[in-house]
Every structure is written in C-alpha cells, then in structure tokens.
Amino acid sequence: MTMKDKVQQVVGGAREKVGSVTGNRRLQASGRMQRRRAQVTEVAHDLRTKARGLVRDTQARRRPRRPVDPL
C-alpha cells in the first residue's frame, strides 16, 4: 500500500460525495472510478508484496544447508 493510493482513494471519495451532493452524476461517477482504481492498485501492490515474500521463503527452504564446521 502506498501513500499515493491512499490519497487517490480519499480524493476520489471526496469527488464522489461532492458529485452526489450537487447532483453532478458525472463528477460522482469519476470520483467513484478514481477511488476504485486506487483500491485495485492498492490490492495489487499488496498481492505483489506477499508473492515476493512467498518466493523468498520458498527459495530459502530449497537452499542446501551448509554442514556445521566441527571445532
């Protein structure tokens, strides 16, 4: 999740509210679209981060362990 996505969600939500209060359906729709696009981007970012973590964990498990050096 990035700060940019959060800002876009807030701005989109505000545009949507202003559009509904003023009766401007186009502004309402564009705000809804902006908010949802930011939500989708945020979810995609979170999934990408989780996938990278899973790949790293899997790679770490597959690495051969070094034998312990006896003293």
N, C-alpha and C. Protein backbone atom coordinates (compact mmCIF):
# COMPACT_ATOMS: atom_id res chain seq x y z
N MET A 1 0.85 -1.16 0.00
CA MET A 1 0.00 0.00 0.00
C MET A 1 0.90 1.23 0.00
N THR A 2 0.60 2.09 -0.89
CA THR A 2 1.40 3.30 -0.95
C THR A 2 0.57 4.49 -0.52
N MET A 3 1.25 5.52 -0.17
CA MET A 3 0.57 6.75 0.25
C MET A 3 -0.21 7.34 -0.92
N LYS A 4 0.34 7.20 -2.12
CA LYS A 4 -0.32 7.73 -3.31
C LYS A 4 -1.69 7.07 -3.50
N ASP A 5 -1.77 5.77 -3.27
CA ASP A 5 -3.05 5.07 -3.41
C ASP A 5 -4.06 5.57 -2.38
N LYS A 6 -3.60 5.78 -1.16
CA LYS A 6 -4.49 6.27 -0.10
C LYS A 6 -5.00 7.67 -0.44
N VAL A 7 -4.12 8.52 -0.95
CA VAL A 7 -4.52 9.88 -1.32
C VAL A 7 -5.55 9.82 -2.44
N GLN A 8 -5.32 8.97 -3.44
CA GLN A 8 -6.26 8.84 -4.54
C GLN A 8 -7.62 8.33 -4.06
N GLN A 9 -7.62 7.44 -3.08
CA GLN A 9 -8.88 6.95 -2.52
C GLN A 9 -9.64 8.08 -1.83
N VAL A 10 -8.94 8.89 -1.07
CA VAL A 10 -9.58 9.99 -0.36
C VAL A 10 -10.11 11.03 -1.34
N VAL A 11 -9.29 11.39 -2.32
CA VAL A 11 -9.71 12.39 -3.32
C VAL A 11 -10.89 11.86 -4.13
N GLY A 12 -10.83 10.61 -4.53
CA GLY A 12 -11.94 10.03 -5.27
C GLY A 12 -13.22 9.99 -4.45
N GLY A 13 -13.09 9.64 -3.17
CA GLY A 13 -14.26 9.63 -2.29
C GLY A 13 -14.85 11.01 -2.12
N ALA A 14 -13.98 12.02 -2.01
CA ALA A 14 -14.45 13.40 -1.88
C ALA A 14 -15.17 13.85 -3.15
N ARG A 15 -14.60 13.53 -4.29
CA ARG A 15 -15.25 13.89 -5.56
C ARG A 15 -16.61 13.20 -5.69
N GLU A 16 -16.66 11.96 -5.25
CA GLU A 16 -17.92 11.22 -5.31
C GLU A 16 -18.97 11.88 -4.42
N LYS A 17 -18.58 12.27 -3.21
CA LYS A 17 -19.52 12.93 -2.29
C LYS A 17 -19.98 14.27 -2.83
N VAL A 18 -19.05 15.06 -3.35
CA VAL A 18 -19.41 16.37 -3.90
C VAL A 18 -20.36 16.19 -5.07
N GLY A 19 -20.09 15.19 -5.89
CA GLY A 19 -20.98 14.93 -7.02
C GLY A 19 -22.37 14.52 -6.58
N SER A 20 -22.47 13.72 -5.52
CA SER A 20 -23.79 13.29 -5.05
C SER A 20 -24.54 14.45 -4.39
N VAL A 21 -23.81 15.31 -3.67
CA VAL A 21 -24.45 16.45 -3.01
C VAL A 21 -24.96 17.46 -4.02
N THR A 22 -24.16 17.71 -5.06
CA THR A 22 -24.55 18.72 -6.06
C THR A 22 -25.43 18.15 -7.16
N GLY A 23 -25.56 16.83 -7.19
CA GLY A 23 -26.37 16.21 -8.23
C GLY A 23 -25.63 16.05 -9.54
N ASN A 24 -24.32 16.21 -9.52
CA ASN A 24 -23.50 16.08 -10.71
C ASN A 24 -23.10 14.61 -10.86
N ARG A 25 -23.83 13.90 -11.69
CA ARG A 25 -23.61 12.46 -11.83
C ARG A 25 -22.25 12.13 -12.47
N ARG A 26 -21.79 13.01 -13.35
CA ARG A 26 -20.51 12.77 -13.99
C ARG A 26 -19.36 12.88 -12.97
N LEU A 27 -19.43 13.89 -12.11
CA LEU A 27 -18.41 14.05 -11.07
C LEU A 27 -18.48 12.89 -10.08
N GLN A 28 -19.68 12.48 -9.76
CA GLN A 28 -19.87 11.35 -8.85
C GLN A 28 -19.26 10.08 -9.44
N ALA A 29 -19.53 9.83 -10.71
CA ALA A 29 -19.01 8.64 -11.37
C ALA A 29 -17.49 8.68 -11.50
N SER A 30 -16.94 9.84 -11.83
CA SER A 30 -15.48 9.92 -11.96
C SER A 30 -14.80 9.76 -10.60
N GLY A 31 -15.42 10.28 -9.54
CA GLY A 31 -14.88 10.08 -8.20
C GLY A 31 -14.91 8.62 -7.79
N ARG A 32 -16.01 7.95 -8.10
CA ARG A 32 -16.13 6.53 -7.79
C ARG A 32 -15.07 5.73 -8.53
N MET A 33 -14.87 6.07 -9.80
CA MET A 33 -13.87 5.38 -10.61
C MET A 33 -12.47 5.61 -10.06
N GLN A 34 -12.17 6.84 -9.68
CA GLN A 34 -10.85 7.16 -9.13
C GLN A 34 -10.61 6.40 -7.82
N ARG A 35 -11.61 6.37 -6.96
CA ARG A 35 -11.49 5.67 -5.69
C ARG A 35 -11.28 4.18 -5.89
N ARG A 36 -12.08 3.59 -6.76
CA ARG A 36 -11.97 2.14 -7.00
C ARG A 36 -10.67 1.77 -7.70
N ARG A 37 -10.22 2.60 -8.61
CA ARG A 37 -8.95 2.33 -9.28
C ARG A 37 -7.81 2.33 -8.26
N ALA A 38 -7.85 3.26 -7.32
CA ALA A 38 -6.82 3.31 -6.28
C ALA A 38 -6.92 2.08 -5.38
N GLN A 39 -8.13 1.62 -5.10
CA GLN A 39 -8.29 0.42 -4.28
C GLN A 39 -7.71 -0.80 -4.98
N VAL A 40 -7.99 -0.93 -6.28
CA VAL A 40 -7.47 -2.06 -7.04
C VAL A 40 -5.94 -2.01 -7.10
N THR A 41 -5.39 -0.83 -7.29
CA THR A 41 -3.94 -0.67 -7.32
C THR A 41 -3.32 -1.05 -5.98
N GLU A 42 -3.99 -0.66 -4.90
CA GLU A 42 -3.50 -0.99 -3.56
C GLU A 42 -3.52 -2.50 -3.33
N VAL A 43 -4.60 -3.16 -3.72
CA VAL A 43 -4.70 -4.61 -3.55
C VAL A 43 -3.65 -5.31 -4.40
N ALA A 44 -3.44 -4.84 -5.62
CA ALA A 44 -2.42 -5.44 -6.49
C ALA A 44 -1.03 -5.28 -5.88
N HIS A 45 -0.77 -4.12 -5.30
CA HIS A 45 0.52 -3.89 -4.66
C HIS A 45 0.71 -4.84 -3.47
N ASP A 46 -0.35 -5.01 -2.67
CA ASP A 46 -0.27 -5.91 -1.52
C ASP A 46 -0.04 -7.35 -1.96
N LEU A 47 -0.73 -7.77 -3.01
CA LEU A 47 -0.55 -9.13 -3.52
C LEU A 47 0.86 -9.35 -4.05
N ARG A 48 1.37 -8.35 -4.74
CA ARG A 48 2.73 -8.44 -5.28
C ARG A 48 3.74 -8.57 -4.14
N THR A 49 3.54 -7.81 -3.07
CA THR A 49 4.44 -7.88 -1.92
C THR A 49 4.38 -9.25 -1.26
N LYS A 50 3.17 -9.78 -1.10
CA LYS A 50 3.02 -11.10 -0.48
C LYS A 50 3.63 -12.19 -1.36
N ALA A 51 3.47 -12.08 -2.67
CA ALA A 51 4.03 -13.07 -3.58
C ALA A 51 5.55 -13.05 -3.51
N ARG A 52 6.14 -11.87 -3.45
CA ARG A 52 7.60 -11.78 -3.34
C ARG A 52 8.08 -12.45 -2.05
N GLY A 53 7.35 -12.24 -0.97
CA GLY A 53 7.71 -12.87 0.29
C GLY A 53 7.63 -14.38 0.21
N LEU A 54 6.59 -14.90 -0.44
CA LEU A 54 6.46 -16.34 -0.60
C LEU A 54 7.59 -16.93 -1.44
N VAL A 55 7.96 -16.22 -2.48
CA VAL A 55 9.06 -16.69 -3.34
C VAL A 55 10.35 -16.72 -2.55
N ARG A 56 10.61 -15.69 -1.77
CA ARG A 56 11.83 -15.67 -0.96
C ARG A 56 11.84 -16.80 0.06
N ASP A 57 10.69 -17.03 0.71
CA ASP A 57 10.61 -18.12 1.69
C ASP A 57 10.86 -19.47 1.03
N THR A 58 10.27 -19.66 -0.14
CA THR A 58 10.45 -20.93 -0.85
C THR A 58 11.90 -21.12 -1.27
N GLN A 59 12.51 -20.07 -1.76
CA GLN A 59 13.92 -20.16 -2.16
C GLN A 59 14.81 -20.44 -0.96
N ALA A 60 14.49 -19.85 0.17
CA ALA A 60 15.30 -20.07 1.37
C ALA A 60 15.20 -21.52 1.83
N ARG A 61 14.03 -22.12 1.70
CA ARG A 61 13.85 -23.52 2.10
C ARG A 61 14.57 -24.48 1.17
N ARG A 62 14.68 -24.12 -0.10
CA ARG A 62 15.28 -25.02 -1.08
C ARG A 62 16.80 -24.96 -1.07
N ARG A 63 17.38 -23.94 -0.48
CA ARG A 63 18.84 -23.82 -0.44
C ARG A 63 19.42 -24.93 0.44
N PRO A 64 20.48 -25.54 -0.02
CA PRO A 64 21.10 -26.58 0.81
C PRO A 64 21.76 -25.94 2.03
N ARG A 65 21.62 -26.63 3.13
CA ARG A 65 22.23 -26.12 4.36
C ARG A 65 23.70 -26.49 4.39
N ARG A 66 24.49 -25.57 4.86
CA ARG A 66 25.92 -25.83 4.96
C ARG A 66 26.17 -26.72 6.17
N PRO A 67 27.08 -27.66 6.02
CA PRO A 67 27.40 -28.51 7.18
C PRO A 67 28.06 -27.68 8.27
N VAL A 68 27.80 -28.06 9.49
CA VAL A 68 28.37 -27.35 10.62
C VAL A 68 29.86 -27.72 10.69
N ASP A 69 30.68 -26.72 10.84
CA ASP A 69 32.13 -26.92 10.90
C ASP A 69 32.51 -27.34 12.32
N PRO A 70 33.00 -28.58 12.50
CA PRO A 70 33.36 -29.00 13.87
C PRO A 70 34.62 -28.28 14.32
N LEU A 71 34.65 -27.99 15.57
CA LEU A 71 35.82 -27.29 16.13
C LEU A 71 36.89 -28.22 16.54
